[in-house]
Amino acid sequence: MKQPIQIAGLKIPNIIFYILGFGIIIYLFNNFKNGISSGLSNLFKNDSDLQKDDVLQNSFKILEKNPSVKSEMTTNSLSLANALFDALDGFGTDKSAIYNIFLRITGPNQMGAIFHAYGKRTLTQIFIPTHTGDLQGALKNELSVQELNENRQKDPNKPKWSVQTKLNWLSNFKG
């Protein structure tokens, strides 16, 4: 049996280095699967930044398809889409952030604008992709059916709503 590796006087089991090496191989594979040049540029740019750049490039095409969303397609919609991505991406899902963002969505056109601003993105956990798709798919991947359908309105004088209720507004904007 091999002796554990010592670093700064600490004995570290070999399995830790095998797991670390495997993680690096997966990371390199994901970055270089589309070619060496794009892989090298991806190494120096945050993956979420790349996805956000793609979304910005496609925004004008989306506005041509859905002119009713144009009035809602603002920097606020893009910042809410980015905040949703940040709440969904990484280790663990920030459900309270998601609920707070959905609390701010007031109508179908705003929901459509956020959906289009989100675009198609890849969620990861520790460099491993877990879901690629649109906002609706990402939320369904990260939240349970119960969490999607839970009444989020705590004020009895206001209409009830859930994340799923607001996602249902998207049926008019897909395509």
C-alpha atoms as a PDB file:
ATOM      1  CA  MET A   1       0.000   0.000   0.000  1.00  0.00           C
ATOM      2  CA  LYS A   2       1.271   3.440  -0.936  1.00  0.00           C
ATOM      3  CA  GLN A   3       2.107   5.873   1.815  1.00  0.00           C
ATOM      4  CA  PRO A   4      -0.057   9.017   2.087  1.00  0.00           C
ATOM      5  CA  ILE A   5       1.443  12.166   0.628  1.00  0.00           C
ATOM      6  CA  GLN A   6       2.662  14.719   3.151  1.00  0.00           C
ATOM      7  CA  ILE A   7       2.112  18.415   2.577  1.00  0.00           C
ATOM      8  CA  ALA A   8       3.130  20.880   5.281  1.00  0.00           C
ATOM      9  CA  GLY A   9       3.400  18.046   7.751  1.00  0.00           C
ATOM     10  CA  LEU A  10      -0.154  16.779   7.080  1.00  0.00           C
ATOM     11  CA  LYS A  11      -0.697  13.281   5.743  1.00  0.00           C
ATOM     12  CA  ILE A  12      -3.205  13.452   2.893  1.00  0.00           C
ATOM     13  CA  PRO A  13      -4.705  10.178   1.645  1.00  0.00           C
ATOM     14  CA  ASN A  14      -4.003   9.338  -2.001  1.00  0.00           C
ATOM     15  CA  ILE A  15      -7.730   9.113  -2.747  1.00  0.00           C
ATOM     16  CA  ILE A  16      -7.998  12.895  -2.315  1.00  0.00           C
ATOM     17  CA  PHE A  17      -5.484  13.388  -5.140  1.00  0.00           C
ATOM     18  CA  TYR A  18      -7.298  10.855  -7.338  1.00  0.00           C
ATOM     19  CA  ILE A  19     -10.595  12.701  -6.833  1.00  0.00           C
ATOM     20  CA  LEU A  20      -8.939  16.056  -7.468  1.00  0.00           C
ATOM     21  CA  GLY A  21      -7.292  14.721 -10.635  1.00  0.00           C
ATOM     22  CA  PHE A  22     -10.593  13.302 -11.871  1.00  0.00           C
ATOM     23  CA  GLY A  23     -12.301  16.663 -11.270  1.00  0.00           C
ATOM     24  CA  ILE A  24      -9.576  18.466 -13.243  1.00  0.00           C
ATOM     25  CA  ILE A  25      -9.976  16.022 -16.138  1.00  0.00           C
ATOM     26  CA  ILE A  26     -13.759  16.613 -16.211  1.00  0.00           C
ATOM     27  CA  TYR A  27     -13.218  20.381 -16.093  1.00  0.00           C
ATOM     28  CA  LEU A  28     -10.696  20.278 -18.954  1.00  0.00           C
ATOM     29  CA  PHE A  29     -12.944  18.010 -21.017  1.00  0.00           C
ATOM     30  CA  ASN A  30     -15.889  20.400 -20.599  1.00  0.00           C
ATOM     31  CA  ASN A  31     -13.785  23.404 -21.592  1.00  0.00           C
ATOM     32  CA  PHE A  32     -12.063  21.793 -24.575  1.00  0.00           C
ATOM     33  CA  LYS A  33     -14.938  19.793 -26.064  1.00  0.00           C
ATOM     34  CA  ASN A  34     -15.743  22.639 -28.498  1.00  0.00           C
ATOM     35  CA  GLY A  35     -12.172  23.039 -29.728  1.00  0.00           C
ATOM     36  CA  ILE A  36      -8.827  24.128 -28.392  1.00  0.00           C
ATOM     37  CA  SER A  37      -9.182  27.841 -29.177  1.00  0.00           C
ATOM     38  CA  SER A  38     -12.576  28.172 -27.512  1.00  0.00           C
ATOM     39  CA  GLY A  39     -11.354  26.010 -24.630  1.00  0.00           C
ATOM     40  CA  LEU A  40      -8.359  28.266 -24.017  1.00  0.00           C
ATOM     41  CA  SER A  41     -10.502  31.392 -24.097  1.00  0.00           C
ATOM     42  CA  ASN A  42     -12.990  29.710 -21.737  1.00  0.00           C
ATOM     43  CA  LEU A  43     -10.224  29.038 -19.234  1.00  0.00           C
ATOM     44  CA  PHE A  44      -9.725  32.759 -18.789  1.00  0.00           C
ATOM     45  CA  LYS A  45     -13.371  33.763 -18.783  1.00  0.00           C
ATOM     46  CA  ASN A  46     -16.039  32.825 -16.259  1.00  0.00           C
ATOM     47  CA  ASP A  47     -18.559  30.334 -17.735  1.00  0.00           C
ATOM     48  CA  SER A  48     -21.536  32.354 -16.532  1.00  0.00           C
ATOM     49  CA  ASP A  49     -20.074  35.436 -18.269  1.00  0.00           C
ATOM     50  CA  LEU A  50     -19.884  33.479 -21.540  1.00  0.00           C
ATOM     51  CA  GLN A  51     -23.515  32.462 -21.193  1.00  0.00           C
ATOM     52  CA  LYS A  52     -24.568  36.034 -20.405  1.00  0.00           C
ATOM     53  CA  ASP A  53     -22.723  37.243 -23.549  1.00  0.00           C
ATOM     54  CA  ASP A  54     -24.645  34.715 -25.658  1.00  0.00           C
ATOM     55  CA  VAL A  55     -27.926  35.916 -24.162  1.00  0.00           C
ATOM     56  CA  LEU A  56     -27.129  39.538 -25.037  1.00  0.00           C
ATOM     57  CA  GLN A  57     -26.308  38.570 -28.631  1.00  0.00           C
ATOM     58  CA  ASN A  58     -29.680  36.838 -29.016  1.00  0.00           C
ATOM     59  CA  SER A  59     -31.791  39.582 -27.398  1.00  0.00           C
ATOM     60  CA  PHE A  60     -32.564  41.418 -30.657  1.00  0.00           C
ATOM     61  CA  LYS A  61     -33.738  38.216 -32.362  1.00  0.00           C
ATOM     62  CA  ILE A  62     -36.077  37.562 -29.449  1.00  0.00           C
ATOM     63  CA  LEU A  63     -37.562  41.059 -29.644  1.00  0.00           C
ATOM     64  CA  GLU A  64     -38.402  40.506 -33.314  1.00  0.00           C
ATOM     65  CA  LYS A  65     -40.288  37.293 -32.465  1.00  0.00           C
ATOM     66  CA  ASN A  66     -42.134  38.714 -29.419  1.00  0.00           C
ATOM     67  CA  PRO A  67     -42.738  42.466 -29.771  1.00  0.00           C
ATOM     68  CA  SER A  68     -45.092  42.479 -26.762  1.00  0.00           C
ATOM     69  CA  VAL A  69     -42.078  41.735 -24.570  1.00  0.00           C
ATOM     70  CA  LYS A  70     -40.117  44.708 -25.948  1.00  0.00           C
ATOM     71  CA  SER A  71     -41.518  47.170 -23.395  1.00  0.00           C
ATOM     72  CA  GLU A  72     -40.378  44.891 -20.560  1.00  0.00           C
ATOM     73  CA  MET A  73     -36.974  43.983 -22.028  1.00  0.00           C
ATOM     74  CA  THR A  74     -34.929  46.285 -19.832  1.00  0.00           C
ATOM     75  CA  THR A  75     -31.700  46.065 -17.910  1.00  0.00           C
ATOM     76  CA  ASN A  76     -33.895  45.204 -14.924  1.00  0.00           C
ATOM     77  CA  SER A  77     -35.138  42.061 -16.711  1.00  0.00           C
ATOM     78  CA  LEU A  78     -31.576  41.083 -17.550  1.00  0.00           C
ATOM     79  CA  SER A  79     -30.418  41.689 -13.979  1.00  0.00           C
ATOM     80  CA  LEU A  80     -33.320  39.594 -12.628  1.00  0.00           C
ATOM     81  CA  ALA A  81     -32.455  36.801 -15.092  1.00  0.00           C
ATOM     82  CA  ASN A  82     -28.809  36.942 -13.987  1.00  0.00           C
ATOM     83  CA  ALA A  83     -29.861  36.943 -10.323  1.00  0.00           C
ATOM     84  CA  LEU A  84     -32.016  33.853 -10.960  1.00  0.00           C
ATOM     85  CA  PHE A  85     -29.055  32.149 -12.632  1.00  0.00           C
ATOM     86  CA  ASP A  86     -26.822  33.018  -9.675  1.00  0.00           C
ATOM     87  CA  ALA A  87     -29.438  31.636  -7.245  1.00  0.00           C
ATOM     88  CA  LEU A  88     -29.727  28.393  -9.233  1.00  0.00           C
ATOM     89  CA  ASP A  89     -26.057  27.861 -10.149  1.00  0.00           C
ATOM     90  CA  GLY A  90     -23.329  26.458  -7.956  1.00  0.00           C
ATOM     91  CA  PHE A  91     -23.426  24.345  -4.858  1.00  0.00           C
ATOM     92  CA  GLY A  92     -26.944  24.558  -3.461  1.00  0.00           C
ATOM     93  CA  THR A  93     -29.957  26.522  -4.610  1.00  0.00           C
ATOM     94  CA  ASP A  94     -30.797  29.854  -2.956  1.00  0.00           C
ATOM     95  CA  LYS A  95     -34.560  29.338  -2.756  1.00  0.00           C
ATOM     96  CA  SER A  96     -35.259  32.510  -0.796  1.00  0.00           C
ATOM     97  CA  ALA A  97     -33.543  34.565  -3.527  1.00  0.00           C
ATOM     98  CA  ILE A  98     -35.656  32.823  -6.177  1.00  0.00           C
ATOM     99  CA  TYR A  99     -38.866  33.532  -4.259  1.00  0.00           C
ATOM    100  CA  ASN A 100     -37.865  37.187  -3.719  1.00  0.00           C
ATOM    101  CA  ILE A 101     -37.196  37.616  -7.441  1.00  0.00           C
ATOM    102  CA  PHE A 102     -40.525  36.025  -8.377  1.00  0.00           C
ATOM    103  CA  LEU A 103     -42.259  38.325  -5.886  1.00  0.00           C
ATOM    104  CA  ARG A 104     -41.053  41.257  -8.045  1.00  0.00           C
ATOM    105  CA  ILE A 105     -42.485  39.805 -11.291  1.00  0.00           C
ATOM    106  CA  THR A 106     -45.785  41.590 -11.869  1.00  0.00           C
ATOM    107  CA  GLY A 107     -47.107  40.371 -15.208  1.00  0.00           C
ATOM    108  CA  PRO A 108     -46.799  38.027 -18.183  1.00  0.00           C
ATOM    109  CA  ASN A 109     -44.780  40.436 -20.354  1.00  0.00           C
ATOM    110  CA  GLN A 110     -42.206  40.933 -17.595  1.00  0.00           C
ATOM    111  CA  MET A 111     -42.037  37.147 -17.074  1.00  0.00           C
ATOM    112  CA  GLY A 112     -41.529  36.719 -20.829  1.00  0.00           C
ATOM    113  CA  ALA A 113     -38.759  39.319 -20.850  1.00  0.00           C
ATOM    114  CA  ILE A 114     -36.959  37.587 -17.964  1.00  0.00           C
ATOM    115  CA  PHE A 115     -37.404  34.198 -19.652  1.00  0.00           C
ATOM    116  CA  HIS A 116     -35.839  35.511 -22.870  1.00  0.00           C
ATOM    117  CA  ALA A 117     -33.109  37.393 -20.997  1.00  0.00           C
ATOM    118  CA  TYR A 118     -32.218  34.150 -19.194  1.00  0.00           C
ATOM    119  CA  GLY A 119     -31.922  32.320 -22.517  1.00  0.00           C
ATOM    120  CA  LYS A 120     -30.284  28.905 -22.457  1.00  0.00           C
ATOM    121  CA  ARG A 121     -27.691  28.417 -19.731  1.00  0.00           C
ATOM    122  CA  THR A 122     -25.833  25.586 -18.052  1.00  0.00           C
ATOM    123  CA  LEU A 123     -26.024  25.098 -14.298  1.00  0.00           C
ATOM    124  CA  THR A 124     -22.998  23.530 -12.627  1.00  0.00           C
ATOM    125  CA  GLN A 125     -22.007  22.163  -9.255  1.00  0.00           C
ATOM    126  CA  ILE A 126     -18.257  22.072  -8.610  1.00  0.00           C
ATOM    127  CA  PHE A 127     -17.388  22.260 -12.347  1.00  0.00           C
ATOM    128  CA  ILE A 128     -19.843  19.481 -13.271  1.00  0.00           C
ATOM    129  CA  PRO A 129     -22.778  20.513 -15.502  1.00  0.00           C
ATOM    130  CA  THR A 130     -26.106  19.487 -13.959  1.00  0.00           C
ATOM    131  CA  HIS A 131     -28.641  21.078 -16.331  1.00  0.00           C
ATOM    132  CA  THR A 132     -28.621  22.914 -19.653  1.00  0.00           C
ATOM    133  CA  GLY A 133     -31.729  24.702 -20.787  1.00  0.00           C
ATOM    134  CA  ASP A 134     -34.092  27.604 -20.303  1.00  0.00           C
ATOM    135  CA  LEU A 135     -35.316  29.207 -17.083  1.00  0.00           C
ATOM    136  CA  GLN A 136     -38.404  27.027 -16.793  1.00  0.00           C
ATOM    137  CA  GLY A 137     -36.356  23.818 -17.119  1.00  0.00           C
ATOM    138  CA  ALA A 138     -33.750  25.077 -14.651  1.00  0.00           C
ATOM    139  CA  LEU A 139     -36.396  25.870 -12.025  1.00  0.00           C
ATOM    140  CA  LYS A 140     -38.088  22.502 -12.524  1.00  0.00           C
ATOM    141  CA  ASN A 141     -34.679  20.836 -12.182  1.00  0.00           C
ATOM    142  CA  GLU A 142     -33.791  22.672  -8.955  1.00  0.00           C
ATOM    143  CA  LEU A 143     -37.164  23.000  -7.168  1.00  0.00           C
ATOM    144  CA  SER A 144     -39.571  20.241  -6.189  1.00  0.00           C
ATOM    145  CA  VAL A 145     -43.164  20.210  -7.444  1.00  0.00           C
ATOM    146  CA  GLN A 146     -44.251  21.247  -3.944  1.00  0.00           C
ATOM    147  CA  GLU A 147     -41.828  24.214  -3.936  1.00  0.00           C
ATOM    148  CA  LEU A 148     -42.981  25.268  -7.413  1.00  0.00           C
ATOM    149  CA  ASN A 149     -46.663  25.183  -6.421  1.00  0.00           C
ATOM    150  CA  GLU A 150     -46.429  26.535  -2.866  1.00  0.00           C
ATOM    151  CA  ASN A 151     -48.470  29.688  -2.237  1.00  0.00           C
ATOM    152  CA  ARG A 152     -45.887  32.438  -1.779  1.00  0.00           C
ATOM    153  CA  GLN A 153     -48.370  35.241  -0.968  1.00  0.00           C
ATOM    154  CA  LYS A 154     -48.438  35.736   2.786  1.00  0.00           C
ATOM    155  CA  ASP A 155     -50.784  38.737   2.723  1.00  0.00           C
ATOM    156  CA  PRO A 156     -54.397  37.421   2.770  1.00  0.00           C
ATOM    157  CA  ASN A 157     -55.641  40.624   1.099  1.00  0.00           C
ATOM    158  CA  LYS A 158     -53.578  40.018  -2.052  1.00  0.00           C
ATOM    159  CA  PRO A 159     -54.051  37.318  -4.704  1.00  0.00           C
ATOM    160  CA  LYS A 160     -52.263  34.021  -4.160  1.00  0.00           C
ATOM    161  CA  TRP A 161     -49.354  33.149  -6.405  1.00  0.00           C
ATOM    162  CA  SER A 162     -46.698  30.486  -6.804  1.00  0.00           C
ATOM    163  CA  VAL A 163     -43.577  30.155  -8.923  1.00  0.00           C
ATOM    164  CA  GLN A 164     -45.516  27.755 -11.166  1.00  0.00           C
ATOM    165  CA  THR A 165     -48.354  30.274 -11.622  1.00  0.00           C
ATOM    166  CA  LYS A 166     -45.900  32.814 -12.968  1.00  0.00           C
ATOM    167  CA  LEU A 167     -44.112  30.194 -15.099  1.00  0.00           C
ATOM    168  CA  ASN A 168     -47.485  29.358 -16.693  1.00  0.00           C
ATOM    169  CA  TRP A 169     -47.470  32.888 -18.170  1.00  0.00           C
ATOM    170  CA  LEU A 170     -44.638  31.719 -20.417  1.00  0.00           C
ATOM    171  CA  SER A 171     -46.931  29.606 -22.604  1.00  0.00           C
ATOM    172  CA  ASN A 172     -47.561  32.720 -24.758  1.00  0.00           C
ATOM    173  CA  PHE A 173     -43.867  33.530 -25.211  1.00  0.00           C
ATOM    174  CA  LYS A 174     -42.182  30.258 -26.188  1.00  0.00           C
ATOM    175  CA  GLY A 175     -41.390  29.471 -29.736  1.00  0.00           C
END
